[in-house]
């Protein structure tokens, strides 16, 4: 068995062309890996004061053969990812602050519920 740390890295072959105006396929893959759904993205974008509705965000997750498909650009994907990261950072800081202020409380040892509904309420607060 060879040690993969010492073998040279090889880039995978390009299996598709990249149209920077239509990266929905890559966005779907990112969302799947990150465990994001449309509610998470809407909450993050709203927290960044980006006007968007659930239908538009869902259209970015649709296949290009679906009726509700709307092409996502590389710039939109970057903004979406930065928004999600920013909201997660704010929520983590708020959680850490709440845990610090509740010393001695038996429930302070548990992380708060970060389900989409909690994320939405935190984003609108």
C-alpha atoms as a PDB file:
ATOM      1  CA  UNK A   1       0.000   0.000   0.000  1.00  0.00           C
ATOM      2  CA  UNK A   2       1.495   3.344  -1.026  1.00  0.00           C
ATOM      3  CA  UNK A   3       1.470   6.459   1.105  1.00  0.00           C
ATOM      4  CA  UNK A   4      -0.756   9.023  -0.629  1.00  0.00           C
ATOM      5  CA  UNK A   5       1.045  11.887   1.107  1.00  0.00           C
ATOM      6  CA  UNK A   6       4.145  11.331  -0.992  1.00  0.00           C
ATOM      7  CA  UNK A   7       2.663  10.627  -4.403  1.00  0.00           C
ATOM      8  CA  UNK A   8       2.384  13.594  -6.768  1.00  0.00           C
ATOM      9  CA  UNK A   9      -1.005  15.282  -6.963  1.00  0.00           C
ATOM     10  CA  UNK A  10      -2.820  14.956 -10.278  1.00  0.00           C
ATOM     11  CA  UNK A  11      -5.659  17.196 -11.355  1.00  0.00           C
ATOM     12  CA  UNK A  12      -8.814  15.392 -12.459  1.00  0.00           C
ATOM     13  CA  UNK A  13      -9.764  15.774 -16.108  1.00  0.00           C
ATOM     14  CA  UNK A  14     -12.362  18.413 -17.006  1.00  0.00           C
ATOM     15  CA  UNK A  15     -15.600  16.555 -17.578  1.00  0.00           C
ATOM     16  CA  UNK A  16     -17.649  19.585 -18.579  1.00  0.00           C
ATOM     17  CA  UNK A  17     -17.208  23.089 -19.843  1.00  0.00           C
ATOM     18  CA  UNK A  18     -17.608  25.870 -17.302  1.00  0.00           C
ATOM     19  CA  UNK A  19     -20.060  28.596 -18.192  1.00  0.00           C
ATOM     20  CA  UNK A  20     -19.674  31.288 -15.487  1.00  0.00           C
ATOM     21  CA  UNK A  21     -23.279  32.303 -16.119  1.00  0.00           C
ATOM     22  CA  UNK A  22     -24.642  28.821 -15.405  1.00  0.00           C
ATOM     23  CA  UNK A  23     -23.024  27.154 -12.412  1.00  0.00           C
ATOM     24  CA  UNK A  24     -26.164  25.682 -10.855  1.00  0.00           C
ATOM     25  CA  UNK A  25     -24.690  22.183 -11.044  1.00  0.00           C
ATOM     26  CA  UNK A  26     -21.730  23.297  -8.917  1.00  0.00           C
ATOM     27  CA  UNK A  27     -24.026  25.164  -6.494  1.00  0.00           C
ATOM     28  CA  UNK A  28     -26.142  22.020  -6.013  1.00  0.00           C
ATOM     29  CA  UNK A  29     -22.995  20.039  -5.231  1.00  0.00           C
ATOM     30  CA  UNK A  30     -21.776  22.659  -2.718  1.00  0.00           C
ATOM     31  CA  UNK A  31     -25.184  22.714  -1.026  1.00  0.00           C
ATOM     32  CA  UNK A  32     -25.239  18.936  -0.786  1.00  0.00           C
ATOM     33  CA  UNK A  33     -21.762  18.778   0.759  1.00  0.00           C
ATOM     34  CA  UNK A  34     -22.457  21.672   3.154  1.00  0.00           C
ATOM     35  CA  UNK A  35     -25.916  20.433   4.090  1.00  0.00           C
ATOM     36  CA  UNK A  36     -27.522  23.683   2.922  1.00  0.00           C
ATOM     37  CA  UNK A  37     -31.092  23.978   1.788  1.00  0.00           C
ATOM     38  CA  UNK A  38     -33.042  26.878   0.305  1.00  0.00           C
ATOM     39  CA  UNK A  39     -34.171  28.070   3.760  1.00  0.00           C
ATOM     40  CA  UNK A  40     -30.555  28.375   4.942  1.00  0.00           C
ATOM     41  CA  UNK A  41     -29.581  30.379   1.870  1.00  0.00           C
ATOM     42  CA  UNK A  42     -32.610  32.690   2.077  1.00  0.00           C
ATOM     43  CA  UNK A  43     -31.850  33.400   5.748  1.00  0.00           C
ATOM     44  CA  UNK A  44     -28.195  34.137   4.998  1.00  0.00           C
ATOM     45  CA  UNK A  45     -28.996  36.421   2.071  1.00  0.00           C
ATOM     46  CA  UNK A  46     -31.655  38.276   4.054  1.00  0.00           C
ATOM     47  CA  UNK A  47     -29.139  38.768   6.875  1.00  0.00           C
ATOM     48  CA  UNK A  48     -26.891  40.459   4.297  1.00  0.00           C
ATOM     49  CA  UNK A  49     -29.831  42.612   3.132  1.00  0.00           C
ATOM     50  CA  UNK A  50     -30.051  40.848  -0.247  1.00  0.00           C
ATOM     51  CA  UNK A  51     -33.654  40.847  -1.461  1.00  0.00           C
ATOM     52  CA  UNK A  52     -34.439  37.310  -2.575  1.00  0.00           C
ATOM     53  CA  UNK A  53     -37.385  34.975  -2.248  1.00  0.00           C
ATOM     54  CA  UNK A  54     -37.548  31.244  -1.669  1.00  0.00           C
ATOM     55  CA  UNK A  55     -38.672  30.602  -5.256  1.00  0.00           C
ATOM     56  CA  UNK A  56     -35.509  32.188  -6.711  1.00  0.00           C
ATOM     57  CA  UNK A  57     -33.207  30.274  -4.372  1.00  0.00           C
ATOM     58  CA  UNK A  58     -35.017  27.027  -5.188  1.00  0.00           C
ATOM     59  CA  UNK A  59     -34.579  27.782  -8.889  1.00  0.00           C
ATOM     60  CA  UNK A  60     -30.802  27.757  -8.420  1.00  0.00           C
ATOM     61  CA  UNK A  61     -31.073  24.209  -7.088  1.00  0.00           C
ATOM     62  CA  UNK A  62     -33.228  23.032  -9.989  1.00  0.00           C
ATOM     63  CA  UNK A  63     -31.879  21.108 -12.948  1.00  0.00           C
ATOM     64  CA  UNK A  64     -31.599  22.999 -16.227  1.00  0.00           C
ATOM     65  CA  UNK A  65     -34.350  20.739 -17.571  1.00  0.00           C
ATOM     66  CA  UNK A  66     -36.840  21.784 -14.869  1.00  0.00           C
ATOM     67  CA  UNK A  67     -39.453  24.459 -15.479  1.00  0.00           C
ATOM     68  CA  UNK A  68     -38.379  26.479 -12.450  1.00  0.00           C
ATOM     69  CA  UNK A  69     -34.654  26.577 -13.433  1.00  0.00           C
ATOM     70  CA  UNK A  70     -32.949  29.961 -13.278  1.00  0.00           C
ATOM     71  CA  UNK A  71     -29.227  30.215 -14.097  1.00  0.00           C
ATOM     72  CA  UNK A  72     -26.876  31.078 -11.232  1.00  0.00           C
ATOM     73  CA  UNK A  73     -23.700  33.057 -11.951  1.00  0.00           C
ATOM     74  CA  UNK A  74     -20.286  32.625 -10.351  1.00  0.00           C
ATOM     75  CA  UNK A  75     -20.713  36.053  -8.694  1.00  0.00           C
ATOM     76  CA  UNK A  76     -24.044  34.998  -7.165  1.00  0.00           C
ATOM     77  CA  UNK A  77     -22.563  31.736  -5.942  1.00  0.00           C
ATOM     78  CA  UNK A  78     -19.672  33.572  -4.282  1.00  0.00           C
ATOM     79  CA  UNK A  79     -22.077  36.052  -2.645  1.00  0.00           C
ATOM     80  CA  UNK A  80     -24.253  33.181  -1.419  1.00  0.00           C
ATOM     81  CA  UNK A  81     -21.309  31.336   0.103  1.00  0.00           C
ATOM     82  CA  UNK A  82     -19.924  34.463   1.755  1.00  0.00           C
ATOM     83  CA  UNK A  83     -23.392  35.227   3.162  1.00  0.00           C
ATOM     84  CA  UNK A  84     -23.770  31.730   4.603  1.00  0.00           C
ATOM     85  CA  UNK A  85     -20.301  31.921   6.161  1.00  0.00           C
ATOM     86  CA  UNK A  86     -20.998  35.362   7.650  1.00  0.00           C
ATOM     87  CA  UNK A  87     -24.305  34.234   9.173  1.00  0.00           C
ATOM     88  CA  UNK A  88     -22.701  31.095  10.598  1.00  0.00           C
ATOM     89  CA  UNK A  89     -19.960  33.226  12.169  1.00  0.00           C
ATOM     90  CA  UNK A  90     -22.508  35.590  13.747  1.00  0.00           C
ATOM     91  CA  UNK A  91     -24.559  32.677  15.072  1.00  0.00           C
ATOM     92  CA  UNK A  92     -21.464  30.940  16.452  1.00  0.00           C
ATOM     93  CA  UNK A  93     -20.342  34.140  18.196  1.00  0.00           C
ATOM     94  CA  UNK A  94     -23.825  34.686  19.634  1.00  0.00           C
ATOM     95  CA  UNK A  95     -23.899  31.079  20.812  1.00  0.00           C
ATOM     96  CA  UNK A  96     -20.473  31.402  22.436  1.00  0.00           C
ATOM     97  CA  UNK A  97     -21.527  34.638  24.109  1.00  0.00           C
ATOM     98  CA  UNK A  98     -24.740  33.070  25.386  1.00  0.00           C
ATOM     99  CA  UNK A  99     -22.834  30.074  26.712  1.00  0.00           C
ATOM    100  CA  UNK A 100     -20.377  32.366  28.467  1.00  0.00           C
ATOM    101  CA  UNK A 101     -23.125  34.400  30.118  1.00  0.00           C
ATOM    102  CA  UNK A 102     -24.976  31.316  31.351  1.00  0.00           C
ATOM    103  CA  UNK A 103     -22.147  29.831  33.430  1.00  0.00           C
ATOM    104  CA  UNK A 104     -23.460  27.458  36.034  1.00  0.00           C
ATOM    105  CA  UNK A 105     -26.664  26.812  34.065  1.00  0.00           C
ATOM    106  CA  UNK A 106     -26.933  23.092  33.310  1.00  0.00           C
ATOM    107  CA  UNK A 107     -28.338  23.776  29.831  1.00  0.00           C
ATOM    108  CA  UNK A 108     -25.375  25.977  28.858  1.00  0.00           C
ATOM    109  CA  UNK A 109     -23.324  22.893  27.960  1.00  0.00           C
ATOM    110  CA  UNK A 110     -25.431  22.219  24.883  1.00  0.00           C
ATOM    111  CA  UNK A 111     -25.296  24.013  21.517  1.00  0.00           C
ATOM    112  CA  UNK A 112     -28.439  25.925  20.556  1.00  0.00           C
ATOM    113  CA  UNK A 113     -30.767  24.540  17.927  1.00  0.00           C
ATOM    114  CA  UNK A 114     -29.495  25.766  14.571  1.00  0.00           C
ATOM    115  CA  UNK A 115     -32.311  24.328  12.489  1.00  0.00           C
ATOM    116  CA  UNK A 116     -33.423  26.453   9.507  1.00  0.00           C
ATOM    117  CA  UNK A 117     -36.246  28.017  11.532  1.00  0.00           C
ATOM    118  CA  UNK A 118     -33.758  29.153  14.184  1.00  0.00           C
ATOM    119  CA  UNK A 119     -31.445  30.484  11.478  1.00  0.00           C
ATOM    120  CA  UNK A 120     -34.309  32.433   9.915  1.00  0.00           C
ATOM    121  CA  UNK A 121     -35.362  33.958  13.223  1.00  0.00           C
ATOM    122  CA  UNK A 122     -31.752  34.909  13.996  1.00  0.00           C
ATOM    123  CA  UNK A 123     -31.372  36.499  10.556  1.00  0.00           C
ATOM    124  CA  UNK A 124     -34.519  38.585  10.929  1.00  0.00           C
ATOM    125  CA  UNK A 125     -33.752  39.651  14.503  1.00  0.00           C
END
